């Protein structure tokens, strides 16, 4: 089971949420990742068809054997509106609930979202990493902040993502002829570590396998969860 610090008041206002991000960003640590990382928890969330529930999935990926070791899902009432830059206040509660269901504690959290590549340097991966005190990495499909040139065409090619002159992440090519992904540090790792983990988890796909599997599972839960749960 994954233990985390007591959650914040997730139903706070957007203004207070931004202030909390600025405060908690100071707790993010950029330290080298241990070499024995094996268990990667891929995290993704989606909203129910009626917009009232958030569904979260944690897929525990065995980096050594390249297979799924465990998968857990959870769903909670949606308590926070969609506000750009405040994704964690919508998704973190249900992702923490899914993480707590895992029998085995992950070595690292891999989030479908941003880490430090964020206006206040505190995206979803940072938020979850700090609360759980676990190494965490953000791997997003789209850019939230910053500018970069196009990386080379080969898998593993990458260029720094710059925001106001600061390196906040990397634009990484994971598959030939595919759009790159946006990788950034969440907590307790370096940018080079984050890139290495993402590439190690991509099995011929554009997206890392742990988050790709969680996305697929979340969509299935969204489709087949008992109607009473999602319509009430």
C-alpha atoms as a PDB file:
ATOM      1  CA  UNK A   1       0.000   0.000   0.000  1.00  0.00           C
ATOM      2  CA  UNK A   2       1.222   3.502  -0.856  1.00  0.00           C
ATOM      3  CA  UNK A   3       1.111   5.948   2.042  1.00  0.00           C
ATOM      4  CA  UNK A   4       0.796   9.676   1.452  1.00  0.00           C
ATOM      5  CA  UNK A   5       0.648  12.778   3.570  1.00  0.00           C
ATOM      6  CA  UNK A   6      -2.842  13.970   4.544  1.00  0.00           C
ATOM      7  CA  UNK A   7      -4.471  15.530   1.520  1.00  0.00           C
ATOM      8  CA  UNK A   8      -5.062  19.229   1.182  1.00  0.00           C
ATOM      9  CA  UNK A   9      -8.498  20.782   1.020  1.00  0.00           C
ATOM     10  CA  UNK A  10      -9.113  19.897  -2.606  1.00  0.00           C
ATOM     11  CA  UNK A  11     -12.306  21.979  -2.822  1.00  0.00           C
ATOM     12  CA  UNK A  12     -10.472  25.247  -2.244  1.00  0.00           C
ATOM     13  CA  UNK A  13     -10.808  28.221  -4.598  1.00  0.00           C
ATOM     14  CA  UNK A  14      -8.568  28.583  -7.672  1.00  0.00           C
ATOM     15  CA  UNK A  15      -6.838  31.579  -6.068  1.00  0.00           C
ATOM     16  CA  UNK A  16      -5.960  29.634  -2.927  1.00  0.00           C
ATOM     17  CA  UNK A  17      -4.984  26.624  -5.056  1.00  0.00           C
ATOM     18  CA  UNK A  18      -2.417  28.724  -6.922  1.00  0.00           C
ATOM     19  CA  UNK A  19      -1.014  30.009  -3.628  1.00  0.00           C
ATOM     20  CA  UNK A  20      -0.707  26.425  -2.360  1.00  0.00           C
ATOM     21  CA  UNK A  21       1.160  25.425  -5.501  1.00  0.00           C
ATOM     22  CA  UNK A  22       3.683  28.197  -4.955  1.00  0.00           C
ATOM     23  CA  UNK A  23       4.182  27.122  -1.335  1.00  0.00           C
ATOM     24  CA  UNK A  24       4.528  23.418  -2.099  1.00  0.00           C
ATOM     25  CA  UNK A  25       6.817  23.995  -5.088  1.00  0.00           C
ATOM     26  CA  UNK A  26       9.557  24.845  -2.590  1.00  0.00           C
ATOM     27  CA  UNK A  27       9.404  21.225  -1.347  1.00  0.00           C
ATOM     28  CA  UNK A  28      10.258  19.683  -4.738  1.00  0.00           C
ATOM     29  CA  UNK A  29      13.700  18.071  -4.649  1.00  0.00           C
ATOM     30  CA  UNK A  30      15.873  17.518  -7.708  1.00  0.00           C
ATOM     31  CA  UNK A  31      18.066  14.636  -6.606  1.00  0.00           C
ATOM     32  CA  UNK A  32      19.478  11.652  -8.545  1.00  0.00           C
ATOM     33  CA  UNK A  33      17.156   8.692  -8.885  1.00  0.00           C
ATOM     34  CA  UNK A  34      18.269   5.446  -7.213  1.00  0.00           C
ATOM     35  CA  UNK A  35      19.564   2.868  -9.677  1.00  0.00           C
ATOM     36  CA  UNK A  36      17.319   0.085  -8.373  1.00  0.00           C
ATOM     37  CA  UNK A  37      14.012   1.542  -9.605  1.00  0.00           C
ATOM     38  CA  UNK A  38      11.820  -1.334 -10.734  1.00  0.00           C
ATOM     39  CA  UNK A  39       8.176  -0.652  -9.874  1.00  0.00           C
ATOM     40  CA  UNK A  40       6.687   2.269 -11.819  1.00  0.00           C
ATOM     41  CA  UNK A  41       3.105   3.346 -11.119  1.00  0.00           C
ATOM     42  CA  UNK A  42       1.547   4.831 -14.263  1.00  0.00           C
ATOM     43  CA  UNK A  43      -1.274   7.232 -13.391  1.00  0.00           C
ATOM     44  CA  UNK A  44      -4.105   8.591 -15.499  1.00  0.00           C
ATOM     45  CA  UNK A  45      -7.615   9.912 -14.877  1.00  0.00           C
ATOM     46  CA  UNK A  46     -10.744  10.734 -16.822  1.00  0.00           C
ATOM     47  CA  UNK A  47     -14.152  12.289 -16.155  1.00  0.00           C
ATOM     48  CA  UNK A  48     -17.429  10.384 -16.239  1.00  0.00           C
ATOM     49  CA  UNK A  49     -19.836  11.053 -19.137  1.00  0.00           C
ATOM     50  CA  UNK A  50     -22.031  13.268 -16.958  1.00  0.00           C
ATOM     51  CA  UNK A  51     -19.066  15.247 -15.626  1.00  0.00           C
ATOM     52  CA  UNK A  52     -19.792  14.441 -11.985  1.00  0.00           C
ATOM     53  CA  UNK A  53     -17.219  11.750 -11.262  1.00  0.00           C
ATOM     54  CA  UNK A  54     -13.476  11.486 -11.688  1.00  0.00           C
ATOM     55  CA  UNK A  55     -12.071   8.041 -12.457  1.00  0.00           C
ATOM     56  CA  UNK A  56      -8.436   7.312 -11.638  1.00  0.00           C
ATOM     57  CA  UNK A  57      -6.206   4.337 -12.458  1.00  0.00           C
ATOM     58  CA  UNK A  58      -2.828   3.239 -11.135  1.00  0.00           C
ATOM     59  CA  UNK A  59      -1.004   0.612 -13.213  1.00  0.00           C
ATOM     60  CA  UNK A  60       2.060  -0.867 -11.533  1.00  0.00           C
ATOM     61  CA  UNK A  61       4.627  -1.633 -14.211  1.00  0.00           C
ATOM     62  CA  UNK A  62       7.546  -3.995 -13.667  1.00  0.00           C
ATOM     63  CA  UNK A  63      10.403  -2.180 -15.394  1.00  0.00           C
ATOM     64  CA  UNK A  64      12.647  -5.228 -15.132  1.00  0.00           C
ATOM     65  CA  UNK A  65      10.237  -7.744 -16.641  1.00  0.00           C
ATOM     66  CA  UNK A  66       8.414  -5.194 -18.834  1.00  0.00           C
ATOM     67  CA  UNK A  67       4.940  -6.261 -17.763  1.00  0.00           C
ATOM     68  CA  UNK A  68       1.990  -5.167 -15.652  1.00  0.00           C
ATOM     69  CA  UNK A  69       2.275  -6.352 -12.061  1.00  0.00           C
ATOM     70  CA  UNK A  70      -0.937  -4.854 -10.722  1.00  0.00           C
ATOM     71  CA  UNK A  71      -3.690  -2.417 -11.594  1.00  0.00           C
ATOM     72  CA  UNK A  72      -6.172  -0.532  -9.429  1.00  0.00           C
ATOM     73  CA  UNK A  73      -8.941   1.962 -10.119  1.00  0.00           C
ATOM     74  CA  UNK A  74     -11.019   4.359  -8.050  1.00  0.00           C
ATOM     75  CA  UNK A  75     -13.741   6.927  -8.626  1.00  0.00           C
ATOM     76  CA  UNK A  76     -14.701   9.986  -6.585  1.00  0.00           C
ATOM     77  CA  UNK A  77     -17.091  12.892  -6.885  1.00  0.00           C
ATOM     78  CA  UNK A  78     -15.571  15.697  -8.930  1.00  0.00           C
ATOM     79  CA  UNK A  79     -15.103  18.675  -6.604  1.00  0.00           C
ATOM     80  CA  UNK A  80     -12.935  21.091  -8.571  1.00  0.00           C
ATOM     81  CA  UNK A  81     -13.637  22.907 -11.873  1.00  0.00           C
ATOM     82  CA  UNK A  82     -11.433  22.718 -14.940  1.00  0.00           C
ATOM     83  CA  UNK A  83      -8.852  25.499 -14.609  1.00  0.00           C
ATOM     84  CA  UNK A  84      -5.671  25.459 -16.731  1.00  0.00           C
ATOM     85  CA  UNK A  85      -2.648  24.892 -14.492  1.00  0.00           C
ATOM     86  CA  UNK A  86      -4.703  23.409 -11.632  1.00  0.00           C
ATOM     87  CA  UNK A  87      -5.140  19.886 -12.974  1.00  0.00           C
ATOM     88  CA  UNK A  88      -3.881  18.282  -9.769  1.00  0.00           C
ATOM     89  CA  UNK A  89      -6.786  19.682  -7.758  1.00  0.00           C
ATOM     90  CA  UNK A  90      -9.140  17.761 -10.067  1.00  0.00           C
ATOM     91  CA  UNK A  91      -7.179  14.544 -10.524  1.00  0.00           C
ATOM     92  CA  UNK A  92      -4.893  14.051  -7.520  1.00  0.00           C
ATOM     93  CA  UNK A  93      -7.605  12.950  -5.031  1.00  0.00           C
ATOM     94  CA  UNK A  94      -8.781  10.031  -7.173  1.00  0.00           C
ATOM     95  CA  UNK A  95      -5.244   9.083  -8.235  1.00  0.00           C
ATOM     96  CA  UNK A  96      -4.202   8.976  -4.583  1.00  0.00           C
ATOM     97  CA  UNK A  97      -7.202   6.742  -3.895  1.00  0.00           C
ATOM     98  CA  UNK A  98      -6.113   4.350  -6.653  1.00  0.00           C
ATOM     99  CA  UNK A  99      -2.509   4.402  -5.420  1.00  0.00           C
ATOM    100  CA  UNK A 100      -3.578   3.479  -1.892  1.00  0.00           C
ATOM    101  CA  UNK A 101      -5.173   0.316  -3.274  1.00  0.00           C
ATOM    102  CA  UNK A 102      -1.892  -1.023  -4.673  1.00  0.00           C
ATOM    103  CA  UNK A 103      -0.563  -3.940  -2.669  1.00  0.00           C
ATOM    104  CA  UNK A 104       3.025  -3.097  -3.567  1.00  0.00           C
ATOM    105  CA  UNK A 105       4.565   0.309  -3.024  1.00  0.00           C
ATOM    106  CA  UNK A 106       5.897   1.819  -6.263  1.00  0.00           C
ATOM    107  CA  UNK A 107       9.453   3.078  -6.598  1.00  0.00           C
ATOM    108  CA  UNK A 108       8.350   5.906  -8.892  1.00  0.00           C
ATOM    109  CA  UNK A 109       5.170   7.656 -10.038  1.00  0.00           C
ATOM    110  CA  UNK A 110       4.767   8.322 -13.763  1.00  0.00           C
ATOM    111  CA  UNK A 111       1.984  10.799 -14.463  1.00  0.00           C
ATOM    112  CA  UNK A 112       0.101  11.678 -17.616  1.00  0.00           C
ATOM    113  CA  UNK A 113       0.657  15.371 -16.996  1.00  0.00           C
ATOM    114  CA  UNK A 114       3.240  17.992 -16.173  1.00  0.00           C
ATOM    115  CA  UNK A 115       5.871  18.167 -13.477  1.00  0.00           C
ATOM    116  CA  UNK A 116       8.000  21.325 -13.291  1.00  0.00           C
ATOM    117  CA  UNK A 117       6.985  22.302 -16.841  1.00  0.00           C
ATOM    118  CA  UNK A 118       4.237  24.380 -15.277  1.00  0.00           C
ATOM    119  CA  UNK A 119       3.622  28.122 -14.739  1.00  0.00           C
ATOM    120  CA  UNK A 120       4.294  27.753 -10.990  1.00  0.00           C
ATOM    121  CA  UNK A 121       6.705  24.798 -11.372  1.00  0.00           C
ATOM    122  CA  UNK A 122       4.214  22.534  -9.621  1.00  0.00           C
ATOM    123  CA  UNK A 123       2.210  20.318 -11.942  1.00  0.00           C
ATOM    124  CA  UNK A 124       0.416  17.068 -11.177  1.00  0.00           C
ATOM    125  CA  UNK A 125       3.624  14.988 -11.007  1.00  0.00           C
ATOM    126  CA  UNK A 126       5.146  17.403  -8.482  1.00  0.00           C
ATOM    127  CA  UNK A 127       1.978  17.447  -6.382  1.00  0.00           C
ATOM    128  CA  UNK A 128       1.699  13.660  -6.165  1.00  0.00           C
ATOM    129  CA  UNK A 129       5.430  13.206  -5.670  1.00  0.00           C
ATOM    130  CA  UNK A 130       5.561  15.650  -2.756  1.00  0.00           C
ATOM    131  CA  UNK A 131       2.439  14.258  -1.069  1.00  0.00           C
ATOM    132  CA  UNK A 132       3.649  10.649  -1.369  1.00  0.00           C
ATOM    133  CA  UNK A 133       7.350  11.549  -0.945  1.00  0.00           C
ATOM    134  CA  UNK A 134       8.172   9.371  -3.933  1.00  0.00           C
ATOM    135  CA  UNK A 135      10.230  10.023  -7.063  1.00  0.00           C
ATOM    136  CA  UNK A 136       7.854  11.212  -9.766  1.00  0.00           C
ATOM    137  CA  UNK A 137       7.951  12.124 -13.445  1.00  0.00           C
ATOM    138  CA  UNK A 138       5.541  13.997 -15.679  1.00  0.00           C
ATOM    139  CA  UNK A 139       5.067  12.881 -19.273  1.00  0.00           C
ATOM    140  CA  UNK A 140       2.501  14.977 -21.121  1.00  0.00           C
ATOM    141  CA  UNK A 141       1.151  14.768 -24.646  1.00  0.00           C
ATOM    142  CA  UNK A 142       1.021  18.545 -25.059  1.00  0.00           C
ATOM    143  CA  UNK A 143       3.027  21.561 -23.921  1.00  0.00           C
ATOM    144  CA  UNK A 144       1.727  23.792 -21.142  1.00  0.00           C
ATOM    145  CA  UNK A 145       4.568  26.324 -20.933  1.00  0.00           C
ATOM    146  CA  UNK A 146       7.908  27.017 -22.552  1.00  0.00           C
ATOM    147  CA  UNK A 147       9.516  26.949 -25.965  1.00  0.00           C
ATOM    148  CA  UNK A 148      11.745  24.439 -27.722  1.00  0.00           C
ATOM    149  CA  UNK A 149      13.068  23.438 -31.099  1.00  0.00           C
ATOM    150  CA  UNK A 150      12.037  20.150 -32.690  1.00  0.00           C
ATOM    151  CA  UNK A 151      14.037  17.142 -31.432  1.00  0.00           C
ATOM    152  CA  UNK A 152      15.832  14.832 -33.852  1.00  0.00           C
ATOM    153  CA  UNK A 153      13.932  12.057 -35.647  1.00  0.00           C
ATOM    154  CA  UNK A 154      15.338   9.068 -33.727  1.00  0.00           C
ATOM    155  CA  UNK A 155      13.841   7.617 -30.531  1.00  0.00           C
ATOM    156  CA  UNK A 156      15.756   9.082 -27.617  1.00  0.00           C
ATOM    157  CA  UNK A 157      16.465  12.406 -29.322  1.00  0.00           C
ATOM    158  CA  UNK A 158      15.479  15.325 -27.129  1.00  0.00           C
ATOM    159  CA  UNK A 159      15.863  19.074 -26.681  1.00  0.00           C
ATOM    160  CA  UNK A 160      15.419  21.208 -23.563  1.00  0.00           C
ATOM    161  CA  UNK A 161      12.108  22.923 -22.906  1.00  0.00           C
ATOM    162  CA  UNK A 162      12.783  26.515 -21.807  1.00  0.00           C
ATOM    163  CA  UNK A 163      10.464  28.855 -19.943  1.00  0.00           C
ATOM    164  CA  UNK A 164      11.725  32.380 -19.240  1.00  0.00           C
ATOM    165  CA  UNK A 165      15.280  31.152 -19.712  1.00  0.00           C
ATOM    166  CA  UNK A 166      14.915  28.231 -17.299  1.00  0.00           C
ATOM    167  CA  UNK A 167      15.082  24.568 -18.340  1.00  0.00           C
ATOM    168  CA  UNK A 168      11.780  23.157 -17.056  1.00  0.00           C
ATOM    169  CA  UNK A 169      11.645  19.928 -19.041  1.00  0.00           C
ATOM    170  CA  UNK A 170      12.498  18.171 -22.263  1.00  0.00           C
ATOM    171  CA  UNK A 171      10.805  17.550 -25.596  1.00  0.00           C
ATOM    172  CA  UNK A 172      11.499  13.869 -26.268  1.00  0.00           C
ATOM    173  CA  UNK A 173      11.086  11.744 -29.379  1.00  0.00           C
ATOM    174  CA  UNK A 174       9.915   8.311 -28.287  1.00  0.00           C
ATOM    175  CA  UNK A 175       8.997   6.801 -31.662  1.00  0.00           C
ATOM    176  CA  UNK A 176      10.031   7.549 -35.256  1.00  0.00           C
ATOM    177  CA  UNK A 177       7.621   9.791 -37.189  1.00  0.00           C
ATOM    178  CA  UNK A 178       5.534  10.431 -34.052  1.00  0.00           C
ATOM    179  CA  UNK A 179       4.932  13.662 -32.199  1.00  0.00           C
ATOM    180  CA  UNK A 180       7.300  14.112 -29.259  1.00  0.00           C
ATOM    181  CA  UNK A 181       6.221  14.050 -25.619  1.00  0.00           C
ATOM    182  CA  UNK A 182       6.931  16.618 -22.910  1.00  0.00           C
ATOM    183  CA  UNK A 183       8.896  15.205 -19.989  1.00  0.00           C
ATOM    184  CA  UNK A 184       9.617  17.017 -16.741  1.00  0.00           C
ATOM    185  CA  UNK A 185      10.726  16.308 -13.201  1.00  0.00           C
ATOM    186  CA  UNK A 186       8.052  15.792 -10.583  1.00  0.00           C
ATOM    187  CA  UNK A 187      10.041  15.104  -7.410  1.00  0.00           C
ATOM    188  CA  UNK A 188      13.225  13.356  -6.231  1.00  0.00           C
ATOM    189  CA  UNK A 189      14.844  12.844  -9.642  1.00  0.00           C
ATOM    190  CA  UNK A 190      16.762  14.773 -12.293  1.00  0.00           C
ATOM    191  CA  UNK A 191      15.623  15.657 -15.803  1.00  0.00           C
ATOM    192  CA  UNK A 192      18.051  13.106 -17.256  1.00  0.00           C
ATOM    193  CA  UNK A 193      16.549  10.464 -14.927  1.00  0.00           C
ATOM    194  CA  UNK A 194      13.038  11.421 -16.020  1.00  0.00           C
ATOM    195  CA  UNK A 195      13.917  11.087 -19.711  1.00  0.00           C
ATOM    196  CA  UNK A 196      15.609   7.751 -19.099  1.00  0.00           C
ATOM    197  CA  UNK A 197      12.573   6.333 -17.265  1.00  0.00           C
ATOM    198  CA  UNK A 198      10.128   7.483 -19.931  1.00  0.00           C
ATOM    199  CA  UNK A 199      12.198   5.945 -22.727  1.00  0.00           C
ATOM    200  CA  UNK A 200      12.618   2.706 -20.765  1.00  0.00           C
ATOM    201  CA  UNK A 201       8.830   2.442 -20.464  1.00  0.00           C
ATOM    202  CA  UNK A 202       8.021   3.071 -24.142  1.00  0.00           C
ATOM    203  CA  UNK A 203       7.610  -0.282 -25.857  1.00  0.00           C
ATOM    204  CA  UNK A 204       7.365   0.886 -29.446  1.00  0.00           C
ATOM    205  CA  UNK A 205       4.567   3.319 -28.610  1.00  0.00           C
ATOM    206  CA  UNK A 206       4.635   7.087 -28.396  1.00  0.00           C
ATOM    207  CA  UNK A 207       3.523   7.050 -24.750  1.00  0.00           C
ATOM    208  CA  UNK A 208       5.059   5.122 -21.825  1.00  0.00           C
ATOM    209  CA  UNK A 209       3.383   1.768 -21.297  1.00  0.00           C
ATOM    210  CA  UNK A 210       2.334   2.348 -17.649  1.00  0.00           C
ATOM    211  CA  UNK A 211       0.356   5.528 -18.411  1.00  0.00           C
ATOM    212  CA  UNK A 212      -0.882   4.137 -21.729  1.00  0.00           C
ATOM    213  CA  UNK A 213      -2.328   1.132 -19.905  1.00  0.00           C
ATOM    214  CA  UNK A 214      -3.875   3.354 -17.231  1.00  0.00           C
ATOM    215  CA  UNK A 215      -5.486   5.533 -19.904  1.00  0.00           C
ATOM    216  CA  UNK A 216      -6.982   2.466 -21.566  1.00  0.00           C
ATOM    217  CA  UNK A 217      -8.261   1.085 -18.254  1.00  0.00           C
ATOM    218  CA  UNK A 218      -9.759   4.434 -17.239  1.00  0.00           C
ATOM    219  CA  UNK A 219     -11.699   4.531 -20.500  1.00  0.00           C
ATOM    220  CA  UNK A 220     -12.999   1.009 -19.887  1.00  0.00           C
ATOM    221  CA  UNK A 221     -14.073   1.849 -16.345  1.00  0.00           C
ATOM    222  CA  UNK A 222     -15.743   4.989 -17.678  1.00  0.00           C
ATOM    223  CA  UNK A 223     -17.684   2.866 -20.141  1.00  0.00           C
ATOM    224  CA  UNK A 224     -18.642  -0.066 -17.931  1.00  0.00           C
ATOM    225  CA  UNK A 225     -18.939   1.362 -14.432  1.00  0.00           C
ATOM    226  CA  UNK A 226     -22.502   0.750 -13.158  1.00  0.00           C
ATOM    227  CA  UNK A 227     -24.697   3.509 -14.520  1.00  0.00           C
ATOM    228  CA  UNK A 228     -26.043   4.367 -11.088  1.00  0.00           C
ATOM    229  CA  UNK A 229     -22.579   5.377  -9.942  1.00  0.00           C
ATOM    230  CA  UNK A 230     -22.058   7.806 -12.790  1.00  0.00           C
ATOM    231  CA  UNK A 231     -25.518   9.277 -13.208  1.00  0.00           C
ATOM    232  CA  UNK A 232     -26.474  10.014  -9.602  1.00  0.00           C
END
